[in-house]
Amino acid sequence: MVKRTPLTVGTFNVNGIHARLPLCERLCADKNSGIDVLCLQEVKTESEKFPYDEFARWGYQSVCWGRRGRHGVALCSRVPIKDVRKGWGEEAEDEERRILSGMVRGYRVFSLYAPHGDREGSEKYFAKLEWYLQLLTYLTGHFRPSEKIVMMGDFNVARSDTDVYNARAGGNAVGTYPKEREVFNDLLNWGLHDLFREKYPRKKAFTWWDYYGDAWKKNRGMRIDYALGTAPVRDKLVRITVARAARARKSPKPSDHAPVIAQLR
């Protein structure tokens, strides 16, 4: 019998990789979480200036698809990353550097950073919806729900009112508009599953808290960072957690996001 090797994948919007290196080091060194693949978003650096050497010292091979000042995604893995794909198949088609994937131990792992958007009806609002349509088109044209696909990242959508600290804000704030939720759910209808909700159907657990207004202290947050997986991935899910300690004010220079970590058997 072939022994199956577990795989632990994590996602973390660092809001600037260079400022968040101490937190990344803690995550990579944490034996309890044992992250094999760390997906990063909003690295805010050019690909060639990503801190590859630091991650190598922690035992990780890294691939970055970044740009100066904003956006950018990365994959950092303890096991070899193969068949790396940047953007939508052609690098020039993803000028904002928002999507990156690679094969890791038989899984196609994505690091994804969706646009934030803006008020309903604005130019950025429609650009966000168009980006989600492009993502769905890319999935439909290149992959099948029967494959082992793990899509990690900051989707900038709170899927339901359970994912917002104040249900009255649902549908009336960026990330909660009905059309935003609809295009997110189109990904689930294609064949992806919200792994956190698979384990915790009704639990309130947030992944983002604003830096202002004591949002962290008052737990005024939103769940906008997800681990999504196709059915073959869902069936291998052992546990999934939000690493809230990384967002605590006592952490050195915290991001406004907390990591999400999923263990697959």
Foldseek 3Di string as FASTA:
>chain_A
DDDDDKAKEKEDAFLACVQCVVVVLCVLPDPVQPHFKYKYWFNQDDQVPPPQVSLVVSQWGKGWHADHGTIIMMMTGNADWADKAWDLNDNVVCVRRAWIWTADPQEIEMEGDQQQAAFPPDPSPVVRLVVLVSVVVSCVVPHALVGWYKYWYFSNAQLALLQFPDSVCACPGGRRNPSSNVSVVVVVVRFKDFLVCVVVVRDHDFFFFDPPDCCVVVVGHGHRTTIITGPVQSVFWDDKDWQCVQQDPVHRPHDRGTMIMTMGD
